[in-house]
PDB file of N, CA and C in Angstrom:
ATOM      1  N   MET A   1     -30.602  60.974  -7.734  1.00  0.00           N
ATOM      2  CA  MET A   1     -31.882  61.504  -7.726  1.00  0.00           C
ATOM      3  C   MET A   1     -31.913  62.347  -6.294  1.00  0.00           C
ATOM      4  N   LYS A   2     -32.509  63.428  -6.293  1.00  0.00           N
ATOM      5  CA  LYS A   2     -32.647  64.365  -5.081  1.00  0.00           C
ATOM      6  C   LYS A   2     -33.564  63.548  -4.016  1.00  0.00           C
ATOM      7  N   GLN A   3     -33.326  63.849  -2.821  1.00  0.00           N
ATOM      8  CA  GLN A   3     -34.192  63.386  -1.681  1.00  0.00           C
ATOM      9  C   GLN A   3     -35.403  64.172  -1.721  1.00  0.00           C
ATOM     10  N   VAL A   4     -36.618  63.545  -1.611  1.00  0.00           N
ATOM     11  CA  VAL A   4     -37.933  64.206  -1.528  1.00  0.00           C
ATOM     12  C   VAL A   4     -38.651  63.674  -0.468  1.00  0.00           C
ATOM     13  N   PRO A   5     -39.536  64.501   0.152  1.00  0.00           N
ATOM     14  CA  PRO A   5     -40.384  64.128   1.292  1.00  0.00           C
ATOM     15  C   PRO A   5     -41.240  62.847   0.948  1.00  0.00           C
ATOM     16  N   GLU A   6     -41.485  62.135   1.814  1.00  0.00           N
ATOM     17  CA  GLU A   6     -42.320  60.817   1.636  1.00  0.00           C
ATOM     18  C   GLU A   6     -43.765  61.047   1.120  1.00  0.00           C
ATOM     19  N   LYS A   7     -44.344  62.242   1.739  1.00  0.00           N
ATOM     20  CA  LYS A   7     -45.682  62.586   1.249  1.00  0.00           C
ATOM     21  C   LYS A   7     -45.607  63.974   0.447  1.00  0.00           C
ATOM     22  N   PRO A   8     -45.790  63.890  -0.815  1.00  0.00           N
ATOM     23  CA  PRO A   8     -45.749  65.083  -1.654  1.00  0.00           C
ATOM     24  C   PRO A   8     -46.838  65.987  -1.253  1.00  0.00           C
ATOM     25  N   ASN A   9     -46.612  67.311  -1.606  1.00  0.00           N
ATOM     26  CA  ASN A   9     -47.523  68.313  -1.313  1.00  0.00           C
ATOM     27  C   ASN A   9     -48.342  68.628  -2.560  1.00  0.00           C
ATOM     28  N   ILE A  10     -48.431  67.932  -3.499  1.00  0.00           N
ATOM     29  CA  ILE A  10     -49.074  68.055  -4.728  1.00  0.00           C
ATOM     30  C   ILE A  10     -50.184  66.823  -4.892  1.00  0.00           C
ATOM     31  N   SER A  11     -51.266  67.309  -5.514  1.00  0.00           N
ATOM     32  CA  SER A  11     -52.337  66.193  -5.713  1.00  0.00           C
ATOM     33  C   SER A  11     -51.951  65.500  -6.961  1.00  0.00           C
ATOM     34  N   LEU A  12     -52.559  64.415  -7.043  1.00  0.00           N
ATOM     35  CA  LEU A  12     -52.468  63.568  -8.461  1.00  0.00           C
ATOM     36  C   LEU A  12     -52.812  64.352  -9.671  1.00  0.00           C
ATOM     37  N   GLN A  13     -54.050  65.129  -9.475  1.00  0.00           N
ATOM     38  CA  GLN A  13     -54.453  65.688 -10.584  1.00  0.00           C
ATOM     39  C   GLN A  13     -53.481  66.888 -11.070  1.00  0.00           C
ATOM     40  N   GLU A  14     -52.940  67.502 -10.098  1.00  0.00           N
ATOM     41  CA  GLU A  14     -51.898  68.565 -10.328  1.00  0.00           C
ATOM     42  C   GLU A  14     -50.762  68.034 -11.026  1.00  0.00           C
ATOM     43  N   ALA A  15     -50.220  66.911 -10.429  1.00  0.00           N
ATOM     44  CA  ALA A  15     -49.012  66.248 -10.971  1.00  0.00           C
ATOM     45  C   ALA A  15     -49.128  65.763 -12.349  1.00  0.00           C
ATOM     46  N   LYS A  16     -50.371  65.205 -12.658  1.00  0.00           N
ATOM     47  CA  LYS A  16     -50.835  64.878 -14.102  1.00  0.00           C
ATOM     48  C   LYS A  16     -50.707  66.039 -15.053  1.00  0.00           C
ATOM     49  N   ALA A  17     -51.505  67.061 -14.622  1.00  0.00           N
ATOM     50  CA  ALA A  17     -51.398  68.198 -15.468  1.00  0.00           C
ATOM     51  C   ALA A  17     -50.153  68.939 -15.684  1.00  0.00           C
ATOM     52  N   HIS A  18     -49.396  68.831 -14.656  1.00  0.00           N
ATOM     53  CA  HIS A  18     -47.905  69.455 -14.688  1.00  0.00           C
ATOM     54  C   HIS A  18     -47.063  68.547 -15.542  1.00  0.00           C
ATOM     55  N   TYR A  19     -47.124  67.272 -15.535  1.00  0.00           N
ATOM     56  CA  TYR A  19     -46.396  66.469 -16.301  1.00  0.00           C
ATOM     57  C   TYR A  19     -46.707  66.611 -17.933  1.00  0.00           C
ATOM     58  N   GLN A  20     -48.122  66.741 -18.105  1.00  0.00           N
ATOM     59  CA  GLN A  20     -48.559  66.852 -19.450  1.00  0.00           C
ATOM     60  C   GLN A  20     -48.036  68.159 -20.126  1.00  0.00           C
ATOM     61  N   LEU A  21     -48.143  69.167 -19.265  1.00  0.00           N
ATOM     62  CA  LEU A  21     -47.558  70.624 -19.750  1.00  0.00           C
ATOM     63  C   LEU A  21     -46.176  70.438 -20.096  1.00  0.00           C
ATOM     64  N   SER A  22     -45.489  69.866 -19.086  1.00  0.00           N
ATOM     65  CA  SER A  22     -44.066  69.725 -19.301  1.00  0.00           C
ATOM     66  C   SER A  22     -43.672  68.957 -20.451  1.00  0.00           C
ATOM     67  N   SER A  23     -44.474  67.943 -20.750  1.00  0.00           N
ATOM     68  CA  SER A  23     -44.076  66.950 -21.889  1.00  0.00           C
ATOM     69  C   SER A  23     -44.296  67.738 -23.264  1.00  0.00           C
ATOM     70  N   GLU A  24     -45.328  68.629 -23.101  1.00  0.00           N
ATOM     71  CA  GLU A  24     -45.593  69.457 -24.416  1.00  0.00           C
ATOM     72  C   GLU A  24     -44.388  70.478 -24.734  1.00  0.00           C
ATOM     73  N   ASN A  25     -43.767  70.776 -23.741  1.00  0.00           N
ATOM     74  CA  ASN A  25     -42.762  71.899 -23.872  1.00  0.00           C
ATOM     75  C   ASN A  25     -41.249  71.220 -23.810  1.00  0.00           C
ATOM     76  N   HIS A  26     -41.213  70.157 -23.449  1.00  0.00           N
ATOM     77  CA  HIS A  26     -39.803  69.378 -23.390  1.00  0.00           C
ATOM     78  C   HIS A  26     -39.178  69.123 -24.932  1.00  0.00           C
ATOM     79  N   LYS A  27     -38.039  69.547 -24.819  1.00  0.00           N
ATOM     80  CA  LYS A  27     -37.225  69.394 -26.121  1.00  0.00           C
ATOM     81  C   LYS A  27     -36.230  68.292 -25.705  1.00  0.00           C
ATOM     82  N   ILE A  28     -36.186  67.292 -26.663  1.00  0.00           N
ATOM     83  CA  ILE A  28     -35.236  66.156 -26.275  1.00  0.00           C
ATOM     84  C   ILE A  28     -33.896  66.598 -26.605  1.00  0.00           C
ATOM     85  N   GLU A  29     -33.106  66.444 -25.639  1.00  0.00           N
ATOM     86  CA  GLU A  29     -31.469  66.873 -25.686  1.00  0.00           C
ATOM     87  C   GLU A  29     -30.708  65.738 -25.338  1.00  0.00           C
ATOM     88  N   GLY A  30     -29.804  65.439 -26.337  1.00  0.00           N
ATOM     89  CA  GLY A  30     -28.948  64.201 -26.093  1.00  0.00           C
ATOM     90  C   GLY A  30     -29.496  62.902 -25.743  1.00  0.00           C
ATOM     91  N   GLY A  31     -30.783  62.789 -26.232  1.00  0.00           N
ATOM     92  CA  GLY A  31     -31.318  61.564 -26.098  1.00  0.00           C
ATOM     93  C   GLY A  31     -32.166  61.276 -24.896  1.00  0.00           C
ATOM     94  N   GLU A  32     -32.157  62.247 -23.792  1.00  0.00           N
ATOM     95  CA  GLU A  32     -32.730  62.209 -22.623  1.00  0.00           C
ATOM     96  C   GLU A  32     -34.276  62.118 -22.805  1.00  0.00           C
ATOM     97  N   SER A  33     -34.925  61.172 -22.374  1.00  0.00           N
ATOM     98  CA  SER A  33     -36.422  60.992 -22.249  1.00  0.00           C
ATOM     99  C   SER A  33     -37.031  62.059 -21.374  1.00  0.00           C
ATOM    100  N   HIS A  34     -38.210  62.373 -21.786  1.00  0.00           N
ATOM    101  CA  HIS A  34     -38.894  63.261 -20.903  1.00  0.00           C
ATOM    102  C   HIS A  34     -39.137  62.783 -19.541  1.00  0.00           C
ATOM    103  N   LEU A  35     -39.416  61.507 -19.387  1.00  0.00           N
ATOM    104  CA  LEU A  35     -39.546  60.946 -18.151  1.00  0.00           C
ATOM    105  C   LEU A  35     -38.383  61.079 -17.176  1.00  0.00           C
ATOM    106  N   ALA A  36     -37.120  60.810 -17.793  1.00  0.00           N
ATOM    107  CA  ALA A  36     -35.778  61.052 -17.047  1.00  0.00           C
ATOM    108  C   ALA A  36     -35.573  62.431 -16.663  1.00  0.00           C
ATOM    109  N   TYR A  37     -35.919  63.300 -17.520  1.00  0.00           N
ATOM    110  CA  TYR A  37     -35.887  64.698 -17.300  1.00  0.00           C
ATOM    111  C   TYR A  37     -36.882  65.079 -16.129  1.00  0.00           C
ATOM    112  N   TYR A  38     -38.180  64.663 -16.274  1.00  0.00           N
ATOM    113  CA  TYR A  38     -39.189  65.085 -15.310  1.00  0.00           C
ATOM    114  C   TYR A  38     -38.658  64.515 -13.927  1.00  0.00           C
ATOM    115  N   ARG A  39     -38.234  63.213 -13.911  1.00  0.00           N
ATOM    116  CA  ARG A  39     -37.764  62.543 -12.591  1.00  0.00           C
ATOM    117  C   ARG A  39     -36.727  63.312 -11.908  1.00  0.00           C
ATOM    118  N   ASP A  40     -35.796  64.004 -12.694  1.00  0.00           N
ATOM    119  CA  ASP A  40     -34.642  64.776 -12.128  1.00  0.00           C
ATOM    120  C   ASP A  40     -35.026  66.253 -11.769  1.00  0.00           C
ATOM    121  N   LYS A  41     -35.953  66.869 -12.519  1.00  0.00           N
ATOM    122  CA  LYS A  41     -36.250  68.273 -12.316  1.00  0.00           C
ATOM    123  C   LYS A  41     -37.469  68.453 -11.398  1.00  0.00           C
ATOM    124  N   HIS A  42     -38.193  67.463 -11.362  1.00  0.00           N
ATOM    125  CA  HIS A  42     -39.523  67.522 -10.540  1.00  0.00           C
ATOM    126  C   HIS A  42     -39.696  66.388  -9.634  1.00  0.00           C
ATOM    127  N   PRO A  43     -38.808  65.989  -8.831  1.00  0.00           N
ATOM    128  CA  PRO A  43     -38.923  64.672  -8.083  1.00  0.00           C
ATOM    129  C   PRO A  43     -40.226  64.553  -7.189  1.00  0.00           C
ATOM    130  N   GLN A  44     -40.669  65.610  -6.619  1.00  0.00           N
ATOM    131  CA  GLN A  44     -41.951  65.452  -5.900  1.00  0.00           C
ATOM    132  C   GLN A  44     -43.098  65.004  -6.775  1.00  0.00           C
ATOM    133  N   ASN A  45     -43.135  65.782  -7.852  1.00  0.00           N
ATOM    134  CA  ASN A  45     -44.362  65.403  -8.822  1.00  0.00           C
ATOM    135  C   ASN A  45     -44.159  64.045  -9.277  1.00  0.00           C
ATOM    136  N   TYR A  46     -42.982  63.553  -9.643  1.00  0.00           N
ATOM    137  CA  TYR A  46     -42.696  62.303 -10.334  1.00  0.00           C
ATOM    138  C   TYR A  46     -43.042  61.258  -9.217  1.00  0.00           C
ATOM    139  N   ARG A  47     -42.687  61.487  -8.016  1.00  0.00           N
ATOM    140  CA  ARG A  47     -43.122  60.556  -6.863  1.00  0.00           C
ATOM    141  C   ARG A  47     -44.525  60.310  -6.795  1.00  0.00           C
ATOM    142  N   THR A  48     -45.248  61.391  -6.843  1.00  0.00           N
ATOM    143  CA  THR A  48     -46.787  61.314  -6.799  1.00  0.00           C
ATOM    144  C   THR A  48     -47.248  60.517  -7.903  1.00  0.00           C
ATOM    145  N   LEU A  49     -46.767  60.649  -9.212  1.00  0.00           N
ATOM    146  CA  LEU A  49     -47.232  59.828 -10.346  1.00  0.00           C
ATOM    147  C   LEU A  49     -46.744  58.362 -10.012  1.00  0.00           C
ATOM    148  N   LEU A  50     -45.551  58.207  -9.628  1.00  0.00           N
ATOM    149  CA  LEU A  50     -44.979  56.932  -9.463  1.00  0.00           C
ATOM    150  C   LEU A  50     -45.785  56.172  -8.610  1.00  0.00           C
ATOM    151  N   ASN A  51     -46.252  56.734  -7.330  1.00  0.00           N
ATOM    152  CA  ASN A  51     -47.032  56.012  -6.406  1.00  0.00           C
ATOM    153  C   ASN A  51     -48.321  55.735  -6.878  1.00  0.00           C
ATOM    154  N   TYR A  52     -48.930  56.591  -7.690  1.00  0.00           N
ATOM    155  CA  TYR A  52     -50.191  56.336  -8.198  1.00  0.00           C
ATOM    156  C   TYR A  52     -50.202  55.150  -9.182  1.00  0.00           C
ATOM    157  N   TYR A  53     -49.184  55.100 -10.121  1.00  0.00           N
ATOM    158  CA  TYR A  53     -49.150  54.137 -11.220  1.00  0.00           C
ATOM    159  C   TYR A  53     -48.577  52.828 -10.664  1.00  0.00           C
ATOM    160  N   SER A  54     -48.082  52.838  -9.392  1.00  0.00           N
ATOM    161  CA  SER A  54     -47.452  51.670  -8.925  1.00  0.00           C
ATOM    162  C   SER A  54     -48.334  50.777  -8.153  1.00  0.00           C
ATOM    163  N   ASN A  55     -49.510  51.382  -7.870  1.00  0.00           N
ATOM    164  CA  ASN A  55     -50.530  50.755  -6.994  1.00  0.00           C
ATOM    165  C   ASN A  55     -51.489  50.118  -7.928  1.00  0.00           C
TER     166      ASN A  55
END
């Protein structure tokens, strides 16, 4: 996974909206889940969501 800053520059609301839109447009290739795809392609947004749901 790529190194990302500790404090993402995206709000929780923006990250949620982006994840939802990405989910609607994601086509499963080779069994890769959307979450794994999102984690790899959008690490900063993923960290924002992870921090929120981990607390």
